[in-house]
Each structure stands twice: as C-alpha cells, then as structure tokens.
C-alpha cells in the first residue's frame, strides 16, 4: 500500500493550475454512450476515479483515442451489451451513472451496486424512483440492480425525494432520449450538473432550466457528436486555498471559475482566510491572521453543508482542518453523511482541539499546535484534509491508503513539491 511521508512546517508558495472538474468528468463520460457519433472530452483530470470510468468504457467495447494527456475522443458505436464490470464498479460511485445510457441504448441494464467513499449510507433509491416514473422496471438483487424498459422510455413529471446530484444526472440523461416531455423538480443544480446538461445540449438534447432546481427536457430520437471542455474543479481550488492559508504561504491558483466559489470563499472568510480574485485567478496572501469571525453578539458561528449553492459537503473535512489553525471557535455541521467526520480522531492524536458532538457535528477550537503523526486516509476529502494537517504540523507525518487521495487529486505530491512541500511517496 502506498504512503506519503510529510515533513510539516514549511509554507507552500507559488502558482498552481486547477484541474478539470472530477464530478463533471464522470457523468459526461457516462453520457458519451448516448451519442451515435464520436465525442471529445477535454481538460479531463487524470485521477483514479476517472481512470476507473475509462476502464469501464473500454471493457464495454468503447474506443478511446487520446490527444495529449487531457483530451480524449470517445466512440461508443460498438458498445457491447456486457454489464459493467462489478470489480471496477466497486471502486467508484460514478458507475451508477451507466444506468441511463445503457437503458437508452439497449432498453435494459444490469448495474452492480456502486462503490466510492465510505462516508455513511449512500442510497440509490432516488435514482430508482425517478427511473420508475419514466417507465423503467426495477428488480433489486443481492449485488446488482436489473433495469428494463419493455415499453420504452417515457417522459414524466418527476419530483425527486432529495436533491441528489447523480440521481438528477441519471434522470436528465434518460429524459433527453425519452418519448415526450419531462420535468425534473427538486433537481440538483451543482456546477457539474450544469456541465452535463450543457454537454447534452451540444449533442442535440433539448433542456431548459439549467442552473435551477427545475429541469424541463423534451426528448429527442437520437443524440449526435459533440464535445465538452471541463471547467475547473472548485473542490480542488478550495483545497489549495486552504493549504496555502494553514501553512502560512502565498499562492496563486490559475484557471478557476470564480462564480463556482462564492459561498466557499465567503465561508473561508469567516475563518479569517483572505482570498483575492482577479479574472480567472485566485491569490492567497502570505501571513494571514486566521481569526474566526463570531456571529452576532459573539455567538459561535456554524459552517454547514447543504445542496448548491450552499457550502458543499465535500469540503467540510477541509474546512474543519483549516479551522484548527484559526483563532476562535466554530461549529462544523455535515448534514448529509453520518461517517464523514469520523477521521477527527486522527486529528485529536495530532493535538487538535475538537469536540465531536455527534456523527454530524464537531466544534473546533483553535489555533492548535499540531504535531506529526501516523494516519490513514479513509476517503478522498478526509485524505486531503489529513494531508493539510500534516503539512501544517511540526515534525514528520505518515499517511497510508493514499490511493483514496489519488482518486480525486492528480499527482498531488508532485504538485505540492513544486510549491515547496516536503512530501515523498513510498510504494
């Protein structure tokens, strides 16, 4: 198992460029199966989860042709009816997104239960309920779900029981090629959902309401070729901002989409993290005060995750570690997943002052003087948070199971070394 060895206490400074949005890459790669002509996906991040999706595509007969490292041509005209490989599906949550295109192509699909981060229960009920509304029969087995549409896919007026990102993506892909009109209410509207919808429109889909919680889709008979250029991964951008702040460095992050960062930067500002926006770049100045701003009348503030455009759940781990280096107290409230905060015990071993109130809430009191420790990455975002803590700590730390970090951050050790980090990978 690969590990990182980190010598903390060194400011990270310099310039880094944002990668393409991982959470847009996965649904767009799946949606490429809907096209009857070749498509191009550009600015594709070369990370573990994307590589797994590409392996799944190849296992089903899809042809990939690369132009450089980040642009790929996808031709799915000879897509095979073979179910997605269960072992590959267990590695990534995004494998559930094959349900829609396989139903559209073959009228049936068998989807192994997806894997991904172990951060609590991650239900797929919302997917299945939406598909049933559009004429899909669902049979749940021990290891997979069988789907069929014997009378074809039909448009419907759908109210999602939660604003699930991947359920919205599956529903809009089916609706794009279903008979008639579809309305998807309580739809997720994160930037990656918007990117998928825009990609489908380049293929010929008729979608209105992009960026809102109500999508209106008029089904078309077929989708042709097109291309997508992925926007910046705002979760990665935020991670670099926090890394600069907690290590006392000075950093510029290029190629960002500022509109995707408004709530994130506002919440960081409450922690005392100053960020200057200029065009498509962010600048984090050196030597910040890092003092938490209390709420009215001195109340302890709360940073809580909620669906877009609120603070994203994927950044609660990063915000929590950043708060350990800020003067004052803050409540971190992770509303969605009951296991995401369970990495806190490893921060306590490093000297952090954190009270885990329950599976969803933690109070952080800072600043804490962290010291090196041996840790294990439980998931992508907690792995990045532990890496932040190690870089801010005094002494040497070791992080195991770093394959989890590689799933979401491309060559993170190489990029951090270019910024002055002392980090080595050991296989």
Protein backbone atom coordinates (compact mmCIF):
# COMPACT_ATOMS: atom_id res chain seq x y z
CA UNK A 1 0.00 0.00 0.00
CA UNK A 2 1.36 3.42 -0.95
CA UNK A 3 2.05 6.03 1.72
CA UNK A 4 3.04 9.68 1.96
CA UNK A 5 5.84 10.86 4.25
CA UNK A 6 5.45 14.55 5.02
CA UNK A 7 7.74 16.93 6.86
CA UNK A 8 5.46 19.71 8.05
CA UNK A 9 6.05 23.32 8.96
CA UNK A 10 7.06 24.62 5.51
CA UNK A 11 4.95 27.34 3.82
CA UNK A 12 3.51 26.43 0.41
CA UNK A 13 4.10 29.18 -2.10
CA UNK A 14 3.95 29.59 -5.87
CA UNK A 15 1.46 29.09 -8.68
CA UNK A 16 -0.72 26.07 -9.42
CA UNK A 17 -3.30 25.46 -12.12
CA UNK A 18 -6.69 23.95 -11.37
CA UNK A 19 -7.56 20.55 -12.82
CA UNK A 20 -10.78 19.76 -14.65
CA UNK A 21 -13.85 19.08 -12.53
CA UNK A 22 -13.85 15.44 -11.41
CA UNK A 23 -17.56 15.49 -10.62
CA UNK A 24 -18.35 16.73 -14.12
CA UNK A 25 -15.99 14.27 -15.79
CA UNK A 26 -17.78 11.15 -14.50
CA UNK A 27 -21.33 11.90 -15.76
CA UNK A 28 -20.05 13.31 -19.05
CA UNK A 29 -18.00 10.16 -19.69
CA UNK A 30 -21.12 8.08 -18.99
CA UNK A 31 -23.27 10.33 -21.19
CA UNK A 32 -20.89 9.80 -24.12
CA UNK A 33 -22.57 6.39 -24.52
CA UNK A 34 -25.76 8.17 -25.59
CA UNK A 35 -24.14 9.67 -28.70
CA UNK A 36 -24.34 7.89 -32.05
CA UNK A 37 -21.19 9.71 -33.17
CA UNK A 38 -17.81 10.30 -31.56
CA UNK A 39 -17.45 12.92 -28.84
CA UNK A 40 -14.50 14.77 -27.36
CA UNK A 41 -13.98 15.39 -23.65
CA UNK A 42 -11.28 17.97 -22.96
CA UNK A 43 -9.40 19.03 -19.82
CA UNK A 44 -10.08 15.62 -18.30
CA UNK A 45 -8.38 15.19 -14.89
CA UNK A 46 -6.16 12.09 -14.81
CA UNK A 47 -7.16 10.81 -11.41
CA UNK A 48 -8.11 7.41 -10.03
CA UNK A 49 -11.89 7.74 -10.39
CA UNK A 50 -11.63 8.98 -13.98
CA UNK A 51 -9.24 6.17 -14.91
CA UNK A 52 -11.73 3.66 -13.46
CA UNK A 53 -14.57 5.12 -15.56
CA UNK A 54 -12.36 4.95 -18.65
CA UNK A 55 -11.54 1.31 -17.89
CA UNK A 56 -15.26 0.60 -17.61
CA UNK A 57 -15.86 2.22 -21.00
CA UNK A 58 -13.11 0.14 -22.61
CA UNK A 59 -14.46 -3.05 -21.04
CA UNK A 60 -17.76 -2.41 -22.83
CA UNK A 61 -16.17 -2.00 -26.27
CA UNK A 62 -15.83 1.79 -26.32
CA UNK A 63 -12.87 3.12 -28.32
CA UNK A 64 -10.69 5.82 -26.78
CA UNK A 65 -8.19 7.96 -28.68
CA UNK A 66 -6.05 10.46 -26.80
CA UNK A 67 -4.82 13.84 -27.98
CA UNK A 68 -2.21 14.74 -25.42
CA UNK A 69 -2.79 13.83 -21.77
CA UNK A 70 -6.10 15.53 -21.06
CA UNK A 71 -8.24 15.35 -24.23
CA UNK A 72 -9.90 12.10 -25.28
CA UNK A 73 -12.08 11.08 -28.23
CA UNK A 74 -14.79 8.57 -27.32
CA UNK A 75 -16.52 6.37 -29.88
CA UNK A 76 -19.31 4.18 -28.50
CA UNK A 77 -20.84 2.99 -31.79
CA UNK A 78 -19.82 -0.60 -30.98
CA UNK A 79 -20.95 -0.59 -27.38
CA UNK A 80 -21.36 -4.12 -26.10
CA UNK A 81 -24.29 -5.39 -24.03
CA UNK A 82 -21.88 -6.71 -21.41
CA UNK A 83 -22.83 -5.45 -17.92
CA UNK A 84 -20.31 -3.10 -16.33
CA UNK A 85 -17.51 -4.96 -14.54
CA UNK A 86 -18.52 -5.40 -10.87
CA UNK A 87 -14.96 -5.07 -9.58
CA UNK A 88 -14.46 -1.75 -11.37
CA UNK A 89 -17.88 -0.54 -10.21
CA UNK A 90 -16.94 -1.20 -6.60
CA UNK A 91 -14.11 1.32 -6.91
CA UNK A 92 -16.20 4.36 -7.83
CA UNK A 93 -19.59 5.84 -7.01
CA UNK A 94 -19.94 7.25 -10.52
CA UNK A 95 -20.51 3.79 -12.02
CA UNK A 96 -24.21 4.16 -11.16
CA UNK A 97 -24.37 6.74 -13.97
CA UNK A 98 -24.23 3.96 -16.56
CA UNK A 99 -27.87 3.11 -15.78
CA UNK A 100 -29.32 5.83 -18.02
CA UNK A 101 -27.20 5.40 -21.17
CA UNK A 102 -27.43 1.59 -21.10
CA UNK A 103 -31.21 1.78 -20.75
CA UNK A 104 -31.32 4.21 -23.65
CA UNK A 105 -29.10 2.06 -25.88
CA UNK A 106 -30.43 -1.42 -25.10
CA UNK A 107 -33.71 -0.99 -23.24
CA UNK A 108 -32.25 -2.84 -20.27
CA UNK A 109 -29.27 -2.72 -17.94
CA UNK A 110 -27.74 -4.57 -15.03
CA UNK A 111 -25.82 -2.22 -12.75
CA UNK A 112 -23.64 -3.58 -9.92
CA UNK A 113 -24.03 -1.64 -6.71
CA UNK A 114 -21.52 1.23 -6.87
CA UNK A 115 -18.58 1.79 -4.55
CA UNK A 116 -16.85 5.05 -3.71
CA UNK A 117 -16.12 6.78 -0.42
CA UNK A 118 -17.21 5.08 2.81
CA UNK A 119 -18.74 8.15 4.43
CA UNK A 120 -22.07 6.68 5.51
CA UNK A 121 -25.16 5.38 3.78
CA UNK A 122 -25.33 6.47 0.14
CA UNK A 123 -28.76 5.45 -1.09
CA UNK A 124 -29.66 4.92 -4.74
CA UNK A 125 -33.41 4.90 -4.07
CA UNK A 126 -33.83 8.36 -5.64
CA UNK A 127 -32.34 7.05 -8.90
CA UNK A 128 -34.67 4.06 -8.97
CA UNK A 129 -37.80 6.05 -8.13
CA UNK A 130 -37.06 8.56 -10.90
CA UNK A 131 -36.42 5.82 -13.45
CA UNK A 132 -39.65 4.05 -12.49
CA UNK A 133 -41.55 7.27 -13.22
CA UNK A 134 -40.17 7.09 -16.78
CA UNK A 135 -41.31 3.53 -17.47
CA UNK A 136 -38.39 1.53 -16.07
CA UNK A 137 -38.98 -1.72 -14.22
CA UNK A 138 -36.61 -2.23 -11.30
CA UNK A 139 -35.51 -5.51 -9.76
CA UNK A 140 -33.06 -5.25 -6.85
CA UNK A 141 -30.77 -8.22 -6.31
CA UNK A 142 -28.08 -9.03 -3.79
CA UNK A 143 -25.23 -7.48 -5.77
CA UNK A 144 -26.85 -5.54 -8.62
CA UNK A 145 -29.97 -3.83 -9.90
CA UNK A 146 -31.71 -5.04 -13.06
CA UNK A 147 -33.47 -2.38 -15.09
CA UNK A 148 -35.70 -2.77 -18.14
CA UNK A 149 -37.99 -0.58 -20.19
CA UNK A 150 -40.18 -3.04 -22.16
CA UNK A 151 -42.41 -0.25 -23.47
CA UNK A 152 -39.60 2.23 -23.99
CA UNK A 153 -38.61 5.29 -22.00
CA UNK A 154 -41.33 7.88 -21.48
CA UNK A 155 -41.24 11.43 -20.23
CA UNK A 156 -42.81 12.20 -16.86
CA UNK A 157 -43.30 14.89 -14.23
CA UNK A 158 -40.79 13.82 -11.56
CA UNK A 159 -40.32 15.13 -8.03
CA UNK A 160 -37.04 13.84 -6.62
CA UNK A 161 -37.31 12.93 -2.94
CA UNK A 162 -33.89 14.56 -2.39
CA UNK A 163 -31.77 16.90 -4.50
CA UNK A 164 -29.37 14.09 -5.39
CA UNK A 165 -26.66 15.05 -7.87
CA UNK A 166 -26.22 11.64 -9.50
CA UNK A 167 -29.96 10.90 -9.49
CA UNK A 168 -30.56 14.21 -11.29
CA UNK A 169 -27.85 13.28 -13.80
CA UNK A 170 -29.33 9.84 -14.46
CA UNK A 171 -32.82 11.32 -14.81
CA UNK A 172 -31.78 14.05 -17.24
CA UNK A 173 -29.85 11.56 -19.41
CA UNK A 174 -32.91 9.29 -19.69
CA UNK A 175 -35.22 12.26 -20.28
CA UNK A 176 -33.00 13.52 -23.11
CA UNK A 177 -33.91 10.49 -25.28
CA UNK A 178 -37.30 9.50 -23.80
CA UNK A 179 -40.62 9.94 -25.62
CA UNK A 180 -42.33 13.19 -24.75
CA UNK A 181 -41.56 15.84 -22.18
CA UNK A 182 -40.04 15.50 -18.73
CA UNK A 183 -39.99 17.88 -15.78
CA UNK A 184 -37.45 17.13 -13.02
CA UNK A 185 -38.37 19.01 -9.85
CA UNK A 186 -36.09 19.37 -6.81
CA UNK A 187 -33.23 18.76 -9.22
CA UNK A 188 -29.65 19.27 -8.09
CA UNK A 189 -28.04 22.26 -9.77
CA UNK A 190 -24.34 21.98 -8.85
CA UNK A 191 -21.85 23.23 -11.46
CA UNK A 192 -21.15 19.64 -12.60
CA UNK A 193 -24.87 19.01 -13.20
CA UNK A 194 -24.90 22.17 -15.30
CA UNK A 195 -21.85 20.98 -17.26
CA UNK A 196 -23.56 17.66 -18.04
CA UNK A 197 -26.70 19.44 -19.24
CA UNK A 198 -24.70 21.76 -21.49
CA UNK A 199 -22.83 18.78 -22.91
CA UNK A 200 -26.11 17.00 -23.67
CA UNK A 201 -27.32 20.14 -25.45
CA UNK A 202 -24.24 20.11 -27.69
CA UNK A 203 -25.24 16.54 -28.63
CA UNK A 204 -28.74 17.74 -29.59
CA UNK A 205 -30.71 17.43 -26.35
CA UNK A 206 -33.49 19.94 -25.60
CA UNK A 207 -33.02 21.03 -21.96
CA UNK A 208 -34.24 24.17 -20.24
CA UNK A 209 -33.75 25.45 -16.70
CA UNK A 210 -30.03 24.66 -16.46
CA UNK A 211 -28.72 26.01 -13.17
CA UNK A 212 -32.13 25.89 -11.46
CA UNK A 213 -33.93 23.27 -9.37
CA UNK A 214 -36.42 22.54 -12.17
CA UNK A 215 -35.20 21.00 -15.42
CA UNK A 216 -37.52 20.73 -18.41
CA UNK A 217 -36.48 18.24 -21.07
CA UNK A 218 -38.10 17.48 -24.40
CA UNK A 219 -36.99 14.06 -25.60
CA UNK A 220 -35.31 13.63 -28.99
CA UNK A 221 -34.87 10.50 -31.11
CA UNK A 222 -31.10 10.48 -31.07
CA UNK A 223 -28.04 12.40 -29.90
CA UNK A 224 -25.10 13.10 -32.19
CA UNK A 225 -21.48 14.05 -31.70
CA UNK A 226 -20.10 16.99 -29.78
CA UNK A 227 -17.54 17.98 -27.19
CA UNK A 228 -17.17 19.17 -23.63
CA UNK A 229 -14.35 21.16 -22.07
CA UNK A 230 -14.47 20.63 -18.33
CA UNK A 231 -14.39 23.64 -16.06
CA UNK A 232 -12.15 23.97 -13.03
CA UNK A 233 -12.62 21.62 -10.09
CA UNK A 234 -13.76 24.10 -7.44
CA UNK A 235 -13.23 21.50 -4.69
CA UNK A 236 -9.56 21.23 -5.66
CA UNK A 237 -9.26 25.02 -5.90
CA UNK A 238 -10.65 25.38 -2.38
CA UNK A 239 -8.24 22.72 -1.13
CA UNK A 240 -5.25 24.66 -2.46
CA UNK A 241 -6.55 27.89 -0.91
CA UNK A 242 -6.80 26.17 2.47
CA UNK A 243 -3.36 24.59 2.07
CA UNK A 244 -1.79 27.98 1.47
CA UNK A 245 -3.57 29.52 4.44
CA UNK A 246 -2.77 26.85 7.05
CA UNK A 247 0.91 26.67 6.05
CA UNK A 248 1.35 30.46 6.00
CA UNK A 249 2.26 30.53 2.32
CA UNK A 250 1.48 32.76 -0.64
CA UNK A 251 -0.22 31.07 -3.56
CA UNK A 252 -1.88 31.83 -6.89
CA UNK A 253 -4.41 29.36 -8.30
CA UNK A 254 -4.99 29.80 -12.02
CA UNK A 255 -7.75 28.66 -14.35
CA UNK A 256 -10.57 28.92 -11.79
CA UNK A 257 -14.26 29.75 -12.23
CA UNK A 258 -14.94 32.41 -9.58
CA UNK A 259 -18.74 32.05 -9.85
CA UNK A 260 -18.44 28.48 -8.54
CA UNK A 261 -16.55 29.66 -5.44
CA UNK A 262 -18.73 32.42 -3.99
CA UNK A 263 -20.15 30.52 -1.00
CA UNK A 264 -16.86 28.68 -0.40
CA UNK A 265 -14.81 31.88 -0.28
CA UNK A 266 -17.42 33.55 1.93
CA UNK A 267 -17.22 30.73 4.46
CA UNK A 268 -13.42 30.76 4.29
CA UNK A 269 -13.58 34.49 5.01
CA UNK A 270 -15.47 33.67 8.23
CA UNK A 271 -12.43 31.59 9.22
CA UNK A 272 -10.21 34.57 8.53
CA UNK A 273 -8.85 33.26 5.22
CA UNK A 274 -8.37 36.16 2.80
CA UNK A 275 -8.56 35.43 -0.93
CA UNK A 276 -8.27 37.96 -3.75
CA UNK A 277 -10.00 37.23 -7.05
CA UNK A 278 -8.65 38.61 -10.31
CA UNK A 279 -10.20 37.33 -13.53
CA UNK A 280 -9.75 33.57 -13.58
CA UNK A 281 -7.13 33.52 -10.82
CA UNK A 282 -7.18 33.50 -7.04
CA UNK A 283 -4.41 34.90 -4.85
CA UNK A 284 -3.89 33.83 -1.23
CA UNK A 285 -1.57 36.33 0.51
CA UNK A 286 1.12 35.31 3.00
CA UNK A 287 0.92 35.59 6.77
CA UNK A 288 -2.81 35.88 7.40
CA UNK A 289 -4.33 36.46 10.85
CA UNK A 290 -6.67 33.45 10.56
CA UNK A 291 -9.21 34.61 13.15
CA UNK A 292 -12.75 33.21 13.15
CA UNK A 293 -15.50 35.85 12.97
CA UNK A 294 -18.20 35.20 15.59
CA UNK A 295 -21.87 35.54 14.78
CA UNK A 296 -23.99 38.39 16.11
CA UNK A 297 -23.49 39.04 19.85
CA UNK A 298 -20.44 36.81 19.93
CA UNK A 299 -22.20 33.51 19.17
CA UNK A 300 -20.15 30.59 17.86
CA UNK A 301 -20.58 30.52 14.05
CA UNK A 302 -21.57 27.44 12.08
CA UNK A 303 -20.28 26.24 8.72
CA UNK A 304 -22.93 23.84 7.49
CA UNK A 305 -23.10 21.83 4.27
CA UNK A 306 -26.21 21.92 2.08
CA UNK A 307 -27.08 21.45 -1.62
CA UNK A 308 -25.84 24.02 -4.12
CA UNK A 309 -25.39 26.96 -3.93
CA UNK A 310 -24.64 26.41 -0.23
CA UNK A 311 -21.34 25.17 1.16
CA UNK A 312 -20.53 21.77 -0.41
CA UNK A 313 -20.42 18.67 1.78
CA UNK A 314 -17.22 17.57 0.07
CA UNK A 315 -15.38 20.48 1.71
CA UNK A 316 -16.47 20.01 5.33
CA UNK A 317 -13.34 17.94 6.06
CA UNK A 318 -11.10 20.62 4.55
CA UNK A 319 -12.89 23.42 6.43
CA UNK A 320 -12.57 21.50 9.69
CA UNK A 321 -8.80 21.16 9.40
CA UNK A 322 -8.45 24.78 8.33
CA UNK A 323 -10.38 25.81 11.46
CA UNK A 324 -7.85 24.06 13.70
CA UNK A 325 -5.32 26.72 12.66
CA UNK A 326 -7.67 29.68 13.17
CA UNK A 327 -8.17 31.67 16.38
CA UNK A 328 -11.61 31.13 17.85
CA UNK A 329 -14.37 28.51 17.79
CA UNK A 330 -16.62 27.25 15.02
CA UNK A 331 -19.21 24.51 14.60
CA UNK A 332 -18.77 22.29 11.53
CA UNK A 333 -22.11 20.71 10.58
CA UNK A 334 -22.04 17.92 7.98
CA UNK A 335 -25.72 17.30 7.33
CA UNK A 336 -25.57 14.56 4.72
CA UNK A 337 -23.21 11.72 5.67
CA UNK A 338 -23.00 10.19 9.13
CA UNK A 339 -19.43 8.92 8.80
CA UNK A 340 -17.64 11.79 7.10
CA UNK A 341 -16.38 13.34 10.34
CA UNK A 342 -15.06 10.09 11.81
CA UNK A 343 -11.50 10.96 10.74
CA UNK A 344 -11.44 13.52 13.59
CA UNK A 345 -9.84 11.02 15.99
CA UNK A 346 -6.68 11.18 13.88
CA UNK A 347 -6.60 14.97 14.26
CA UNK A 348 -7.01 14.62 18.02
CA UNK A 349 -3.89 12.46 18.05
CA UNK A 350 -2.07 15.35 16.36
CA UNK A 351 -3.10 17.79 19.10
CA UNK A 352 -6.22 19.36 17.58
CA UNK A 353 -8.90 20.70 19.95
CA UNK A 354 -12.14 19.25 18.56
CA UNK A 355 -15.32 18.09 20.25
CA UNK A 356 -17.24 15.58 18.11
CA UNK A 357 -20.79 16.31 19.27
CA UNK A 358 -22.44 13.56 17.20
CA UNK A 359 -21.85 11.94 13.78
CA UNK A 360 -22.79 15.18 12.02
CA UNK A 361 -21.37 18.00 14.15
CA UNK A 362 -17.98 18.97 15.51
CA UNK A 363 -16.85 22.05 17.43
CA UNK A 364 -13.31 23.18 16.58
CA UNK A 365 -11.32 25.43 18.93
CA UNK A 366 -8.17 26.96 17.55
CA UNK A 367 -5.45 27.57 16.88
CA UNK A 368 -3.98 24.19 17.75
CA UNK A 369 -0.30 23.34 17.61
CA UNK A 370 -0.30 20.13 15.56
CA UNK A 371 2.50 17.57 15.66
CA UNK A 372 3.38 14.82 13.21
CA UNK A 373 1.58 11.52 13.41
CA UNK A 374 0.82 8.27 11.55
CA UNK A 375 -2.55 8.37 9.82
CA UNK A 376 -4.70 6.55 7.29
CA UNK A 377 -6.83 8.19 4.60
CA UNK A 378 -10.44 6.94 4.87
CA UNK A 379 -11.79 8.75 1.77
CA UNK A 380 -10.84 11.34 -0.84
CA UNK A 381 -11.72 14.52 1.05
CA UNK A 382 -10.65 13.36 4.52
CA UNK A 383 -7.40 12.23 2.91
CA UNK A 384 -6.78 15.74 1.59
CA UNK A 385 -7.73 17.18 4.99
CA UNK A 386 -5.21 14.92 6.76
CA UNK A 387 -2.58 15.92 4.20
CA UNK A 388 -3.30 19.57 5.05
CA UNK A 389 -2.91 18.82 8.75
CA UNK A 390 0.41 17.06 8.14
CA UNK A 391 1.76 19.99 6.12
CA UNK A 392 0.74 22.43 8.86
CA UNK A 393 2.11 20.27 11.70
CA UNK A 394 5.53 20.26 13.31
CA UNK A 395 7.57 17.17 12.62
CA UNK A 396 7.08 14.21 10.32
CA UNK A 397 3.79 12.51 9.46
CA UNK A 398 2.95 9.38 7.51
CA UNK A 399 -0.36 8.88 5.70
CA UNK A 400 -1.39 5.44 4.49
CA UNK A 401 -4.04 4.36 1.98
CA UNK A 402 -3.22 7.36 -0.21
CA UNK A 403 -4.89 5.71 -3.18
CA UNK A 404 -8.00 7.37 -1.79
CA UNK A 405 -6.40 10.81 -2.27
CA UNK A 406 -5.22 9.85 -5.78
CA UNK A 407 -8.85 9.15 -6.71
CA UNK A 408 -9.61 12.86 -6.56
CA UNK A 409 -6.33 14.82 -6.81
CA UNK A 410 -3.98 14.37 -9.74
CA UNK A 411 -0.30 13.86 -8.86
CA UNK A 412 -0.86 15.79 -5.65
CA UNK A 413 2.59 15.01 -4.24
CA UNK A 414 4.37 16.31 -7.36
CA UNK A 415 2.26 19.47 -7.43
CA UNK A 416 2.82 20.11 -3.73
CA UNK A 417 6.59 19.63 -4.06
CA UNK A 418 6.55 22.30 -6.78
CA UNK A 419 5.02 24.61 -4.17
CA UNK A 420 7.70 23.86 -1.58
CA UNK A 421 6.20 20.92 0.31
CA UNK A 422 8.47 18.21 1.64
CA UNK A 423 6.49 15.14 0.70
CA UNK A 424 7.57 11.76 -0.62
CA UNK A 425 5.58 8.82 -1.93
CA UNK A 426 6.55 5.32 -0.90
CA UNK A 427 5.04 2.27 -2.61
